[in-house]
Amino acid sequence: MYIAIMQRVLEKGEDFIESERERVKGLQGKKLSPSKKLLLEHRLNILAAFKHTKSTTSDKSEL
C-alpha cells in the first residue's frame, strides 16, 4: 500500500496527499467492516508520513 500511495503522489503531485486524506476520512464515517476500518487507518497513517516528509523536506530546503 505504501508504494501505491507513493506512486500516486509522484503522478498527481503533493495535492494528492491532502485530497486523499479528506476522502479517506469521509469513508471512515460510514458503516464499514472492522478490516476495512483498519485498512483506512493504515492508509491515513501512510498519508500522514508523506505529509510529514513533505514539510520536513521543504523546511530543510530553506536553509
PDB file of N, CA and C in Angstrom:
ATOM      1  N   MET A   1       0.833  -1.184   0.000  1.00  0.00           N
ATOM      2  CA  MET A   1       0.000   0.000   0.000  1.00  0.00           C
ATOM      3  C   MET A   1       0.882   1.253   0.000  1.00  0.00           C
ATOM      4  N   TYR A   2       1.997   1.218   0.718  1.00  0.00           N
ATOM      5  CA  TYR A   2       2.885   2.372   0.792  1.00  0.00           C
ATOM      6  C   TYR A   2       3.397   2.744  -0.595  1.00  0.00           C
ATOM      7  N   ILE A   3       3.819   1.748  -1.349  1.00  0.00           N
ATOM      8  CA  ILE A   3       4.361   2.001  -2.683  1.00  0.00           C
ATOM      9  C   ILE A   3       3.285   2.556  -3.608  1.00  0.00           C
ATOM     10  N   ALA A   4       2.081   2.030  -3.514  1.00  0.00           N
ATOM     11  CA  ALA A   4       0.986   2.513  -4.361  1.00  0.00           C
ATOM     12  C   ALA A   4       0.688   3.984  -4.072  1.00  0.00           C
ATOM     13  N   ILE A   5       0.679   4.349  -2.812  1.00  0.00           N
ATOM     14  CA  ILE A   5       0.426   5.745  -2.447  1.00  0.00           C
ATOM     15  C   ILE A   5       1.577   6.626  -2.918  1.00  0.00           C
ATOM     16  N   MET A   6       2.801   6.142  -2.761  1.00  0.00           N
ATOM     17  CA  MET A   6       3.959   6.908  -3.212  1.00  0.00           C
ATOM     18  C   MET A   6       3.886   7.159  -4.719  1.00  0.00           C
ATOM     19  N   GLN A   7       3.496   6.151  -5.478  1.00  0.00           N
ATOM     20  CA  GLN A   7       3.363   6.315  -6.926  1.00  0.00           C
ATOM     21  C   GLN A   7       2.291   7.348  -7.265  1.00  0.00           C
ATOM     22  N   ARG A   8       1.181   7.323  -6.541  1.00  0.00           N
ATOM     23  CA  ARG A   8       0.107   8.299  -6.790  1.00  0.00           C
ATOM     24  C   ARG A   8       0.574   9.718  -6.479  1.00  0.00           C
ATOM     25  N   VAL A   9       1.363   9.873  -5.423  1.00  0.00           N
ATOM     26  CA  VAL A   9       1.892  11.193  -5.080  1.00  0.00           C
ATOM     27  C   VAL A   9       2.815  11.683  -6.190  1.00  0.00           C
ATOM     28  N   LEU A  10       3.637  10.794  -6.711  1.00  0.00           N
ATOM     29  CA  LEU A  10       4.536  11.176  -7.797  1.00  0.00           C
ATOM     30  C   LEU A  10       3.765  11.529  -9.065  1.00  0.00           C
ATOM     31  N   GLU A  11       2.689  10.801  -9.341  1.00  0.00           N
ATOM     32  CA  GLU A  11       1.886  11.048 -10.541  1.00  0.00           C
ATOM     33  C   GLU A  11       1.047  12.318 -10.423  1.00  0.00           C
ATOM     34  N   LYS A  12       0.385  12.487  -9.283  1.00  0.00           N
ATOM     35  CA  LYS A  12      -0.608  13.554  -9.135  1.00  0.00           C
ATOM     36  C   LYS A  12      -0.091  14.780  -8.400  1.00  0.00           C
ATOM     37  N   GLY A  13       1.065  14.680  -7.791  1.00  0.00           N
ATOM     38  CA  GLY A  13       1.622  15.818  -7.072  1.00  0.00           C
ATOM     39  C   GLY A  13       1.257  15.793  -5.593  1.00  0.00           C
ATOM     40  N   GLU A  14       1.775  16.769  -4.892  1.00  0.00           N
ATOM     41  CA  GLU A  14       1.617  16.815  -3.438  1.00  0.00           C
ATOM     42  C   GLU A  14       0.188  17.111  -2.997  1.00  0.00           C
ATOM     43  N   ASP A  15      -0.616  17.686  -3.864  1.00  0.00           N
ATOM     44  CA  ASP A  15      -2.017  17.951  -3.517  1.00  0.00           C
ATOM     45  C   ASP A  15      -2.801  16.660  -3.308  1.00  0.00           C
ATOM     46  N   PHE A  16      -2.316  15.570  -3.882  1.00  0.00           N
ATOM     47  CA  PHE A  16      -2.973  14.274  -3.723  1.00  0.00           C
ATOM     48  C   PHE A  16      -3.044  13.878  -2.252  1.00  0.00           C
ATOM     49  N   ILE A  17      -2.014  14.195  -1.491  1.00  0.00           N
ATOM     50  CA  ILE A  17      -1.956  13.786  -0.086  1.00  0.00           C
ATOM     51  C   ILE A  17      -3.158  14.335   0.677  1.00  0.00           C
ATOM     52  N   GLU A  18      -3.395  15.622   0.542  1.00  0.00           N
ATOM     53  CA  GLU A  18      -4.499  16.246   1.286  1.00  0.00           C
ATOM     54  C   GLU A  18      -5.862  15.797   0.766  1.00  0.00           C
ATOM     55  N   SER A  19      -6.006  15.714  -0.542  1.00  0.00           N
ATOM     56  CA  SER A  19      -7.307  15.311  -1.089  1.00  0.00           C
ATOM     57  C   SER A  19      -7.622  13.859  -0.732  1.00  0.00           C
ATOM     58  N   GLU A  20      -6.629  12.999  -0.750  1.00  0.00           N
ATOM     59  CA  GLU A  20      -6.844  11.594  -0.392  1.00  0.00           C
ATOM     60  C   GLU A  20      -7.144  11.462   1.099  1.00  0.00           C
ATOM     61  N   ARG A  21      -6.478  12.269   1.914  1.00  0.00           N
ATOM     62  CA  ARG A  21      -6.733  12.240   3.356  1.00  0.00           C
ATOM     63  C   ARG A  21      -8.178  12.624   3.646  1.00  0.00           C
ATOM     64  N   GLU A  22      -8.672  13.646   2.986  1.00  0.00           N
ATOM     65  CA  GLU A  22     -10.066  14.063   3.170  1.00  0.00           C
ATOM     66  C   GLU A  22     -11.028  12.970   2.693  1.00  0.00           C
ATOM     67  N   ARG A  23     -10.708  12.338   1.573  1.00  0.00           N
ATOM     68  CA  ARG A  23     -11.560  11.282   1.038  1.00  0.00           C
ATOM     69  C   ARG A  23     -11.632  10.102   2.005  1.00  0.00           C
ATOM     70  N   VAL A  24     -10.485   9.693   2.534  1.00  0.00           N
ATOM     71  CA  VAL A  24     -10.438   8.551   3.451  1.00  0.00           C
ATOM     72  C   VAL A  24     -11.157   8.881   4.754  1.00  0.00           C
ATOM     73  N   LYS A  25     -10.986  10.102   5.256  1.00  0.00           N
ATOM     74  CA  LYS A  25     -11.699  10.491   6.480  1.00  0.00           C
ATOM     75  C   LYS A  25     -13.208  10.439   6.271  1.00  0.00           C
ATOM     76  N   GLY A  26     -13.661  10.812   5.092  1.00  0.00           N
ATOM     77  CA  GLY A  26     -15.081  10.728   4.777  1.00  0.00           C
ATOM     78  C   GLY A  26     -15.574   9.294   4.761  1.00  0.00           C
ATOM     79  N   LEU A  27     -14.758   8.404   4.254  1.00  0.00           N
ATOM     80  CA  LEU A  27     -15.127   6.989   4.224  1.00  0.00           C
ATOM     81  C   LEU A  27     -15.183   6.396   5.625  1.00  0.00           C
ATOM     82  N   GLN A  28     -14.334   6.874   6.512  1.00  0.00           N
ATOM     83  CA  GLN A  28     -14.307   6.344   7.873  1.00  0.00           C
ATOM     84  C   GLN A  28     -15.618   6.584   8.604  1.00  0.00           C
ATOM     85  N   GLY A  29     -16.342   7.606   8.237  1.00  0.00           N
ATOM     86  CA  GLY A  29     -17.599   7.917   8.896  1.00  0.00           C
ATOM     87  C   GLY A  29     -18.736   6.992   8.504  1.00  0.00           C
ATOM     88  N   LYS A  30     -18.506   6.164   7.509  1.00  0.00           N
ATOM     89  CA  LYS A  30     -19.559   5.262   7.033  1.00  0.00           C
ATOM     90  C   LYS A  30     -19.472   3.916   7.738  1.00  0.00           C
ATOM     91  N   LYS A  31     -20.515   3.134   7.585  1.00  0.00           N
ATOM     92  CA  LYS A  31     -20.553   1.812   8.196  1.00  0.00           C
ATOM     93  C   LYS A  31     -19.652   0.872   7.391  1.00  0.00           C
ATOM     94  N   LEU A  32     -18.581   0.391   8.033  1.00  0.00           N
ATOM     95  CA  LEU A  32     -17.607  -0.465   7.371  1.00  0.00           C
ATOM     96  C   LEU A  32     -17.261  -1.651   8.258  1.00  0.00           C
ATOM     97  N   SER A  33     -16.729  -2.675   7.633  1.00  0.00           N
ATOM     98  CA  SER A  33     -16.270  -3.831   8.396  1.00  0.00           C
ATOM     99  C   SER A  33     -15.012  -3.442   9.174  1.00  0.00           C
ATOM    100  N   PRO A  34     -14.719  -4.150  10.255  1.00  0.00           N
ATOM    101  CA  PRO A  34     -13.514  -3.841  11.038  1.00  0.00           C
ATOM    102  C   PRO A  34     -12.231  -3.914  10.205  1.00  0.00           C
ATOM    103  N   SER A  35     -12.163  -4.854   9.274  1.00  0.00           N
ATOM    104  CA  SER A  35     -10.955  -4.967   8.454  1.00  0.00           C
ATOM    105  C   SER A  35     -10.808  -3.762   7.526  1.00  0.00           C
ATOM    106  N   LYS A  36     -11.916  -3.257   6.997  1.00  0.00           N
ATOM    107  CA  LYS A  36     -11.873  -2.086   6.121  1.00  0.00           C
ATOM    108  C   LYS A  36     -11.506  -0.840   6.924  1.00  0.00           C
ATOM    109  N   LYS A  37     -12.019  -0.734   8.153  1.00  0.00           N
ATOM    110  CA  LYS A  37     -11.660   0.394   9.014  1.00  0.00           C
ATOM    111  C   LYS A  37     -10.161   0.397   9.304  1.00  0.00           C
ATOM    112  N   LEU A  38      -9.614  -0.785   9.544  1.00  0.00           N
ATOM    113  CA  LEU A  38      -8.186  -0.906   9.808  1.00  0.00           C
ATOM    114  C   LEU A  38      -7.376  -0.515   8.574  1.00  0.00           C
ATOM    115  N   LEU A  39      -7.829  -0.930   7.411  1.00  0.00           N
ATOM    116  CA  LEU A  39      -7.167  -0.584   6.158  1.00  0.00           C
ATOM    117  C   LEU A  39      -7.150   0.935   5.953  1.00  0.00           C
ATOM    118  N   LEU A  40      -8.266   1.586   6.231  1.00  0.00           N
ATOM    119  CA  LEU A  40      -8.340   3.038   6.086  1.00  0.00           C
ATOM    120  C   LEU A  40      -7.444   3.744   7.104  1.00  0.00           C
ATOM    121  N   GLU A  41      -7.352   3.185   8.303  1.00  0.00           N
ATOM    122  CA  GLU A  41      -6.481   3.760   9.321  1.00  0.00           C
ATOM    123  C   GLU A  41      -5.018   3.672   8.882  1.00  0.00           C
ATOM    124  N   HIS A  42      -4.644   2.530   8.314  1.00  0.00           N
ATOM    125  CA  HIS A  42      -3.281   2.369   7.798  1.00  0.00           C
ATOM    126  C   HIS A  42      -3.009   3.372   6.676  1.00  0.00           C
ATOM    127  N   ARG A  43      -3.990   3.556   5.820  1.00  0.00           N
ATOM    128  CA  ARG A  43      -3.845   4.498   4.702  1.00  0.00           C
ATOM    129  C   ARG A  43      -3.636   5.926   5.221  1.00  0.00           C
ATOM    130  N   LEU A  44      -4.394   6.309   6.239  1.00  0.00           N
ATOM    131  CA  LEU A  44      -4.218   7.639   6.833  1.00  0.00           C
ATOM    132  C   LEU A  44      -2.836   7.792   7.465  1.00  0.00           C
ATOM    133  N   ASN A  45      -2.346   6.739   8.097  1.00  0.00           N
ATOM    134  CA  ASN A  45      -1.015   6.790   8.698  1.00  0.00           C
ATOM    135  C   ASN A  45       0.058   6.988   7.631  1.00  0.00           C
ATOM    136  N   ILE A  46      -0.081   6.297   6.514  1.00  0.00           N
ATOM    137  CA  ILE A  46       0.878   6.439   5.416  1.00  0.00           C
ATOM    138  C   ILE A  46       0.811   7.849   4.845  1.00  0.00           C
ATOM    139  N   LEU A  47      -0.395   8.355   4.645  1.00  0.00           N
ATOM    140  CA  LEU A  47      -0.551   9.717   4.126  1.00  0.00           C
ATOM    141  C   LEU A  47       0.055  10.739   5.090  1.00  0.00           C
ATOM    142  N   ALA A  48      -0.101  10.508   6.380  1.00  0.00           N
ATOM    143  CA  ALA A  48       0.483  11.410   7.376  1.00  0.00           C
ATOM    144  C   ALA A  48       2.006  11.379   7.291  1.00  0.00           C
ATOM    145  N   ALA A  49       2.572  10.207   7.031  1.00  0.00           N
ATOM    146  CA  ALA A  49       4.024  10.099   6.890  1.00  0.00           C
ATOM    147  C   ALA A  49       4.502  10.892   5.680  1.00  0.00           C
ATOM    148  N   PHE A  50       3.763  10.823   4.589  1.00  0.00           N
ATOM    149  CA  PHE A  50       4.131  11.586   3.402  1.00  0.00           C
ATOM    150  C   PHE A  50       3.979  13.084   3.654  1.00  0.00           C
ATOM    151  N   LYS A  51       2.953  13.464   4.365  1.00  0.00           N
ATOM    152  CA  LYS A  51       2.742  14.883   4.664  1.00  0.00           C
ATOM    153  C   LYS A  51       3.871  15.394   5.547  1.00  0.00           C
ATOM    154  N   HIS A  52       4.276  14.590   6.521  1.00  0.00           N
ATOM    155  CA  HIS A  52       5.376  14.967   7.414  1.00  0.00           C
ATOM    156  C   HIS A  52       6.678  15.070   6.624  1.00  0.00           C
ATOM    157  N   THR A  53       6.914  14.142   5.721  1.00  0.00           N
ATOM    158  CA  THR A  53       8.115  14.156   4.896  1.00  0.00           C
ATOM    159  C   THR A  53       8.145  15.408   4.032  1.00  0.00           C
ATOM    160  N   LYS A  54       7.000  15.771   3.489  1.00  0.00           N
ATOM    161  CA  LYS A  54       6.892  16.967   2.642  1.00  0.00           C
ATOM    162  C   LYS A  54       7.278  18.212   3.432  1.00  0.00           C
ATOM    163  N   SER A  55       6.752  18.376   4.642  1.00  0.00           N
ATOM    164  CA  SER A  55       7.036  19.574   5.423  1.00  0.00           C
ATOM    165  C   SER A  55       8.484  19.580   5.904  1.00  0.00           C
ATOM    166  N   THR A  56       9.035  18.432   6.240  1.00  0.00           N
ATOM    167  CA  THR A  56      10.420  18.347   6.672  1.00  0.00           C
ATOM    168  C   THR A  56      11.353  18.685   5.523  1.00  0.00           C
ATOM    169  N   THR A  57      11.056  18.189   4.346  1.00  0.00           N
ATOM    170  CA  THR A  57      11.878  18.450   3.175  1.00  0.00           C
ATOM    171  C   THR A  57      11.858  19.928   2.813  1.00  0.00           C
ATOM    172  N   SER A  58      10.699  20.542   2.839  1.00  0.00           N
ATOM    173  CA  SER A  58      10.612  21.957   2.483  1.00  0.00           C
ATOM    174  C   SER A  58      11.300  22.831   3.522  1.00  0.00           C
ATOM    175  N   ASP A  59      11.275  22.434   4.791  1.00  0.00           N
ATOM    176  CA  ASP A  59      11.964  23.193   5.825  1.00  0.00           C
ATOM    177  C   ASP A  59      13.470  23.168   5.600  1.00  0.00           C
ATOM    178  N   LYS A  60      14.000  22.024   5.210  1.00  0.00           N
ATOM    179  CA  LYS A  60      15.433  21.893   5.000  1.00  0.00           C
ATOM    180  C   LYS A  60      15.889  22.649   3.764  1.00  0.00           C
ATOM    181  N   SER A  61      15.045  22.748   2.761  1.00  0.00           N
ATOM    182  CA  SER A  61      15.449  23.427   1.539  1.00  0.00           C
ATOM    183  C   SER A  61      15.584  24.932   1.749  1.00  0.00           C
ATOM    184  N   GLU A  62      14.973  25.452   2.802  1.00  0.00           N
ATOM    185  CA  GLU A  62      15.064  26.878   3.076  1.00  0.00           C
ATOM    186  C   GLU A  62      16.401  27.256   3.690  1.00  0.00           C
ATOM    187  N   LEU A  63      17.115  26.278   4.215  1.00  0.00           N
ATOM    188  CA  LEU A  63      18.394  26.573   4.871  1.00  0.00           C
ATOM    189  C   LEU A  63      19.433  26.823   3.870  1.00  0.00           C
TER     190      LEU A  63
END
